[in-house]
Amino acid sequence: MNEYGELLDESTVRFERLLPGPIERVWAFLTESDKRAQWLCAGDVETVADGQVDMHCHNVSLSSAEDIPRPEKYKDMPEKMSFAGKVTRCEPPRLLEHTWEFDDESSLVCYELSEQADKVRLVLTHRRLDTADTVLSVSGGWHTHLNVLVDVLEGGKLRPFYKMQLQYESEYGERLGLS
């Protein structure tokens, strides 16, 4: 398993992580607002087809004391941002797919879980990314957020969020030829 996401085509990235189980616990961190807020964003997820997905992002809250200040690149963005989506497929506790509505872009995120002994394999695929810049930002963002999820599930200290974000965005630019 490669720690880095892979570009499946010009508008799709895919990530894999092996996480501490059981699968129901990982599912809860994908679908329950209080748990999801610890690594990605708060907000309700209706775990039925056509269910509403609310995403309330506050990346500053994911940052540790050792982190750098919010990078210049993000200074013009609100500190708290909200998005919505619709569940397109849901098979608890193994599959959740939903749209991700951001401005006038609509992408598709799919989380697939499978048991691997006492671990859980997460395959996250983000499709329909409109531009190379979006692919780059999403790649660095998911890598960072998934690292935070690992930290939370393992009960460890959170790594510096913005420091990771800048590092991985730069690395993905080189890896994917998008810098």
C-alpha atoms as a PDB file:
ATOM      1  CA  MET A   1       0.000   0.000   0.000  1.00  0.00           C
ATOM      2  CA  ASN A   2       1.385   3.365  -1.039  1.00  0.00           C
ATOM      3  CA  GLU A   3       1.009   6.216   1.448  1.00  0.00           C
ATOM      4  CA  TYR A   4       0.526   8.637  -1.428  1.00  0.00           C
ATOM      5  CA  GLY A   5      -2.637   8.989  -3.423  1.00  0.00           C
ATOM      6  CA  GLU A   6      -2.577   8.010  -7.044  1.00  0.00           C
ATOM      7  CA  LEU A   7      -3.986   9.807 -10.022  1.00  0.00           C
ATOM      8  CA  LEU A   8      -6.358   7.388 -11.772  1.00  0.00           C
ATOM      9  CA  ASP A   9      -7.158   9.824 -14.565  1.00  0.00           C
ATOM     10  CA  GLU A  10      -6.987  13.596 -14.998  1.00  0.00           C
ATOM     11  CA  SER A  11      -9.946  14.159 -12.669  1.00  0.00           C
ATOM     12  CA  THR A  12      -9.714  11.284 -10.134  1.00  0.00           C
ATOM     13  CA  VAL A  13      -7.448  10.619  -7.148  1.00  0.00           C
ATOM     14  CA  ARG A  14      -7.456   7.541  -4.953  1.00  0.00           C
ATOM     15  CA  PHE A  15      -5.989   6.928  -1.479  1.00  0.00           C
ATOM     16  CA  GLU A  16      -5.605   3.805   0.640  1.00  0.00           C
ATOM     17  CA  ARG A  17      -4.968   3.581   4.357  1.00  0.00           C
ATOM     18  CA  LEU A  18      -4.847   0.697   6.807  1.00  0.00           C
ATOM     19  CA  LEU A  19      -6.569   1.899   9.983  1.00  0.00           C
ATOM     20  CA  PRO A  20      -7.098   0.493  13.473  1.00  0.00           C
ATOM     21  CA  GLY A  21     -10.443  -1.356  13.603  1.00  0.00           C
ATOM     22  CA  PRO A  22     -13.030  -2.485  14.096  1.00  0.00           C
ATOM     23  CA  ILE A  23     -14.896  -1.479  10.939  1.00  0.00           C
ATOM     24  CA  GLU A  24     -17.862  -0.054  12.895  1.00  0.00           C
ATOM     25  CA  ARG A  25     -15.521   2.367  14.652  1.00  0.00           C
ATOM     26  CA  VAL A  26     -14.032   3.612  11.386  1.00  0.00           C
ATOM     27  CA  TRP A  27     -17.552   3.910   9.920  1.00  0.00           C
ATOM     28  CA  ALA A  28     -18.513   6.114  12.867  1.00  0.00           C
ATOM     29  CA  PHE A  29     -15.577   8.432  12.080  1.00  0.00           C
ATOM     30  CA  LEU A  30     -16.916   8.784   8.524  1.00  0.00           C
ATOM     31  CA  THR A  31     -20.544   9.393   9.426  1.00  0.00           C
ATOM     32  CA  GLU A  32     -20.939  10.845  12.940  1.00  0.00           C
ATOM     33  CA  SER A  33     -20.507  14.597  13.145  1.00  0.00           C
ATOM     34  CA  ASP A  34     -18.583  14.739  16.445  1.00  0.00           C
ATOM     35  CA  LYS A  35     -16.125  12.048  15.320  1.00  0.00           C
ATOM     36  CA  ARG A  36     -15.745  13.331  11.748  1.00  0.00           C
ATOM     37  CA  ALA A  37     -15.020  16.823  13.117  1.00  0.00           C
ATOM     38  CA  GLN A  38     -11.859  15.437  14.735  1.00  0.00           C
ATOM     39  CA  TRP A  39     -10.214  14.752  11.362  1.00  0.00           C
ATOM     40  CA  LEU A  40     -12.208  16.331   8.505  1.00  0.00           C
ATOM     41  CA  CYS A  41     -15.331  18.364   9.217  1.00  0.00           C
ATOM     42  CA  ALA A  42     -18.448  18.376  11.353  1.00  0.00           C
ATOM     43  CA  GLY A  43     -21.936  17.998   9.958  1.00  0.00           C
ATOM     44  CA  ASP A  44     -24.701  15.468   9.655  1.00  0.00           C
ATOM     45  CA  VAL A  45     -24.597  12.566   7.207  1.00  0.00           C
ATOM     46  CA  GLU A  46     -27.892  10.860   6.423  1.00  0.00           C
ATOM     47  CA  THR A  47     -26.727   7.320   5.671  1.00  0.00           C
ATOM     48  CA  VAL A  48     -29.398   6.532   3.069  1.00  0.00           C
ATOM     49  CA  ALA A  49     -29.496   7.055  -0.694  1.00  0.00           C
ATOM     50  CA  ASP A  50     -30.349  10.696  -1.469  1.00  0.00           C
ATOM     51  CA  GLY A  51     -29.544  11.592   2.153  1.00  0.00           C
ATOM     52  CA  GLN A  52     -28.150  15.023   2.933  1.00  0.00           C
ATOM     53  CA  VAL A  53     -24.457  15.507   3.754  1.00  0.00           C
ATOM     54  CA  ASP A  54     -23.504  18.665   5.625  1.00  0.00           C
ATOM     55  CA  MET A  55     -19.846  19.589   5.902  1.00  0.00           C
ATOM     56  CA  HIS A  56     -18.674  22.341   8.231  1.00  0.00           C
ATOM     57  CA  CYS A  57     -14.910  22.673   7.852  1.00  0.00           C
ATOM     58  CA  HIS A  58     -12.714  24.404  10.408  1.00  0.00           C
ATOM     59  CA  ASN A  59      -9.167  23.317   9.634  1.00  0.00           C
ATOM     60  CA  VAL A  60      -7.717  25.631  12.286  1.00  0.00           C
ATOM     61  CA  SER A  61      -9.290  23.336  14.901  1.00  0.00           C
ATOM     62  CA  LEU A  62      -7.257  20.408  13.493  1.00  0.00           C
ATOM     63  CA  SER A  63      -3.986  22.220  13.984  1.00  0.00           C
ATOM     64  CA  SER A  64      -1.611  21.422  16.830  1.00  0.00           C
ATOM     65  CA  ALA A  65       0.378  23.875  18.945  1.00  0.00           C
ATOM     66  CA  GLU A  66       3.513  23.071  16.895  1.00  0.00           C
ATOM     67  CA  ASP A  67       1.851  24.083  13.644  1.00  0.00           C
ATOM     68  CA  ILE A  68       2.615  27.112  11.521  1.00  0.00           C
ATOM     69  CA  PRO A  69       0.059  29.928  11.235  1.00  0.00           C
ATOM     70  CA  ARG A  70      -2.599  29.559   8.566  1.00  0.00           C
ATOM     71  CA  PRO A  71      -0.674  29.798   5.269  1.00  0.00           C
ATOM     72  CA  GLU A  72      -0.927  32.863   3.063  1.00  0.00           C
ATOM     73  CA  LYS A  73      -2.592  30.737   0.369  1.00  0.00           C
ATOM     74  CA  TYR A  74      -5.618  30.294   2.671  1.00  0.00           C
ATOM     75  CA  LYS A  75      -5.744  33.792   4.204  1.00  0.00           C
ATOM     76  CA  ASP A  76      -8.511  34.972   1.848  1.00  0.00           C
ATOM     77  CA  MET A  77     -10.657  31.927   2.579  1.00  0.00           C
ATOM     78  CA  PRO A  78     -13.040  32.022   5.535  1.00  0.00           C
ATOM     79  CA  GLU A  79     -11.724  30.230   8.613  1.00  0.00           C
ATOM     80  CA  LYS A  80     -14.964  28.234   8.700  1.00  0.00           C
ATOM     81  CA  MET A  81     -16.570  26.997   5.489  1.00  0.00           C
ATOM     82  CA  SER A  82     -19.669  24.928   4.840  1.00  0.00           C
ATOM     83  CA  PHE A  83     -20.508  22.633   1.950  1.00  0.00           C
ATOM     84  CA  ALA A  84     -23.311  20.257   1.169  1.00  0.00           C
ATOM     85  CA  GLY A  85     -23.727  17.037  -0.710  1.00  0.00           C
ATOM     86  CA  LYS A  86     -26.074  14.171  -1.409  1.00  0.00           C
ATOM     87  CA  VAL A  87     -25.483  10.515  -0.611  1.00  0.00           C
ATOM     88  CA  THR A  88     -25.397   8.578  -3.877  1.00  0.00           C
ATOM     89  CA  ARG A  89     -24.633   5.130  -2.401  1.00  0.00           C
ATOM     90  CA  CYS A  90     -24.605   3.830   1.146  1.00  0.00           C
ATOM     91  CA  GLU A  91     -23.987   0.299   2.416  1.00  0.00           C
ATOM     92  CA  PRO A  92     -23.200   0.566   6.155  1.00  0.00           C
ATOM     93  CA  PRO A  93     -20.544  -0.078   7.370  1.00  0.00           C
ATOM     94  CA  ARG A  94     -18.711  -0.718   4.097  1.00  0.00           C
ATOM     95  CA  LEU A  95     -19.444   1.999   1.556  1.00  0.00           C
ATOM     96  CA  LEU A  96     -20.392   5.652   1.573  1.00  0.00           C
ATOM     97  CA  GLU A  97     -20.423   7.775  -1.563  1.00  0.00           C
ATOM     98  CA  HIS A  98     -21.614  11.377  -1.766  1.00  0.00           C
ATOM     99  CA  THR A  99     -21.345  14.480  -3.843  1.00  0.00           C
ATOM    100  CA  TRP A 100     -19.183  17.334  -2.613  1.00  0.00           C
ATOM    101  CA  GLU A 101     -20.639  20.674  -3.665  1.00  0.00           C
ATOM    102  CA  PHE A 102     -18.097  23.516  -3.560  1.00  0.00           C
ATOM    103  CA  ASP A 103     -18.961  26.822  -5.238  1.00  0.00           C
ATOM    104  CA  ASP A 104     -20.096  25.753  -8.701  1.00  0.00           C
ATOM    105  CA  GLU A 105     -18.079  22.535  -8.698  1.00  0.00           C
ATOM    106  CA  SER A 106     -19.638  19.175  -7.903  1.00  0.00           C
ATOM    107  CA  SER A 107     -17.295  16.274  -7.273  1.00  0.00           C
ATOM    108  CA  LEU A 108     -17.880  12.772  -5.939  1.00  0.00           C
ATOM    109  CA  VAL A 109     -16.219  11.155  -2.899  1.00  0.00           C
ATOM    110  CA  CYS A 110     -16.384   7.418  -2.193  1.00  0.00           C
ATOM    111  CA  TYR A 111     -15.189   5.747   1.023  1.00  0.00           C
ATOM    112  CA  GLU A 112     -14.882   1.949   0.869  1.00  0.00           C
ATOM    113  CA  LEU A 113     -14.076  -0.052   4.009  1.00  0.00           C
ATOM    114  CA  SER A 114     -12.991  -3.682   4.253  1.00  0.00           C
ATOM    115  CA  GLU A 115     -11.730  -5.724   7.177  1.00  0.00           C
ATOM    116  CA  GLN A 116      -8.116  -6.888   7.139  1.00  0.00           C
ATOM    117  CA  ALA A 117      -7.596  -8.980  10.300  1.00  0.00           C
ATOM    118  CA  ASP A 118      -7.831  -6.430  13.151  1.00  0.00           C
ATOM    119  CA  LYS A 119      -7.360  -3.498  10.746  1.00  0.00           C
ATOM    120  CA  VAL A 120      -9.657  -1.744   8.308  1.00  0.00           C
ATOM    121  CA  ARG A 121      -8.620  -0.876   4.758  1.00  0.00           C
ATOM    122  CA  LEU A 122     -10.011   2.475   3.680  1.00  0.00           C
ATOM    123  CA  VAL A 123     -10.049   3.228  -0.030  1.00  0.00           C
ATOM    124  CA  LEU A 124     -11.016   6.835  -0.673  1.00  0.00           C
ATOM    125  CA  THR A 125     -11.665   7.900  -4.266  1.00  0.00           C
ATOM    126  CA  HIS A 126     -12.424  11.507  -5.201  1.00  0.00           C
ATOM    127  CA  ARG A 127     -13.802  11.883  -8.760  1.00  0.00           C
ATOM    128  CA  ARG A 128     -14.923  14.657 -11.087  1.00  0.00           C
ATOM    129  CA  LEU A 129     -12.278  17.173 -10.060  1.00  0.00           C
ATOM    130  CA  ASP A 130     -12.543  20.074 -12.510  1.00  0.00           C
ATOM    131  CA  THR A 131      -8.993  21.371 -12.869  1.00  0.00           C
ATOM    132  CA  ALA A 132      -5.380  20.337 -12.348  1.00  0.00           C
ATOM    133  CA  ASP A 133      -5.184  22.902  -9.527  1.00  0.00           C
ATOM    134  CA  THR A 134      -8.188  21.262  -7.845  1.00  0.00           C
ATOM    135  CA  VAL A 135      -6.561  17.826  -8.217  1.00  0.00           C
ATOM    136  CA  LEU A 136      -3.412  19.191  -6.576  1.00  0.00           C
ATOM    137  CA  SER A 137      -5.257  20.871  -3.705  1.00  0.00           C
ATOM    138  CA  VAL A 138      -7.527  17.858  -3.114  1.00  0.00           C
ATOM    139  CA  SER A 139      -4.564  15.447  -3.170  1.00  0.00           C
ATOM    140  CA  GLY A 140      -2.619  17.404  -0.552  1.00  0.00           C
ATOM    141  CA  GLY A 141      -5.792  17.965   1.457  1.00  0.00           C
ATOM    142  CA  TRP A 142      -6.894  14.338   1.579  1.00  0.00           C
ATOM    143  CA  HIS A 143      -3.379  13.164   2.412  1.00  0.00           C
ATOM    144  CA  THR A 144      -3.291  15.616   5.318  1.00  0.00           C
ATOM    145  CA  HIS A 145      -6.787  14.821   6.587  1.00  0.00           C
ATOM    146  CA  LEU A 146      -6.156  11.068   6.367  1.00  0.00           C
ATOM    147  CA  ASN A 147      -2.977  11.506   8.425  1.00  0.00           C
ATOM    148  CA  VAL A 148      -5.068  13.295  11.056  1.00  0.00           C
ATOM    149  CA  LEU A 149      -7.601  10.426  10.958  1.00  0.00           C
ATOM    150  CA  VAL A 150      -4.780   7.940  11.609  1.00  0.00           C
ATOM    151  CA  ASP A 151      -3.531  10.083  14.517  1.00  0.00           C
ATOM    152  CA  VAL A 152      -7.033  10.249  16.026  1.00  0.00           C
ATOM    153  CA  LEU A 153      -7.778   6.533  15.600  1.00  0.00           C
ATOM    154  CA  GLU A 154      -4.397   5.567  17.066  1.00  0.00           C
ATOM    155  CA  GLY A 155      -4.875   7.957  19.979  1.00  0.00           C
ATOM    156  CA  GLY A 156      -1.662   9.760  19.137  1.00  0.00           C
ATOM    157  CA  LYS A 157      -0.678  13.386  19.068  1.00  0.00           C
ATOM    158  CA  LEU A 158      -1.987  15.281  16.054  1.00  0.00           C
ATOM    159  CA  ARG A 159       0.651  16.241  13.516  1.00  0.00           C
ATOM    160  CA  PRO A 160       0.792  19.932  12.509  1.00  0.00           C
ATOM    161  CA  PHE A 161      -2.073  20.318  10.009  1.00  0.00           C
ATOM    162  CA  TYR A 162      -1.004  23.317   7.925  1.00  0.00           C
ATOM    163  CA  LYS A 163       2.628  22.245   7.863  1.00  0.00           C
ATOM    164  CA  MET A 164       1.506  18.885   6.426  1.00  0.00           C
ATOM    165  CA  GLN A 165      -0.894  20.532   3.981  1.00  0.00           C
ATOM    166  CA  LEU A 166       1.820  22.709   2.454  1.00  0.00           C
ATOM    167  CA  GLN A 167       4.329  19.850   2.377  1.00  0.00           C
ATOM    168  CA  TYR A 168       1.981  17.401   0.670  1.00  0.00           C
ATOM    169  CA  GLU A 169       0.607  19.913  -1.787  1.00  0.00           C
ATOM    170  CA  SER A 170       4.185  20.620  -2.866  1.00  0.00           C
ATOM    171  CA  GLU A 171       5.033  16.909  -3.061  1.00  0.00           C
ATOM    172  CA  TYR A 172       1.891  16.143  -5.086  1.00  0.00           C
ATOM    173  CA  GLY A 173       2.781  18.957  -7.458  1.00  0.00           C
ATOM    174  CA  GLU A 174       6.082  17.212  -8.164  1.00  0.00           C
ATOM    175  CA  ARG A 175       4.702  13.643  -8.111  1.00  0.00           C
ATOM    176  CA  LEU A 176       1.794  14.404 -10.416  1.00  0.00           C
ATOM    177  CA  GLY A 177       3.642  16.907 -12.593  1.00  0.00           C
ATOM    178  CA  LEU A 178       1.254  19.693 -11.604  1.00  0.00           C
ATOM    179  CA  SER A 179       3.624  22.214 -10.021  1.00  0.00           C
END
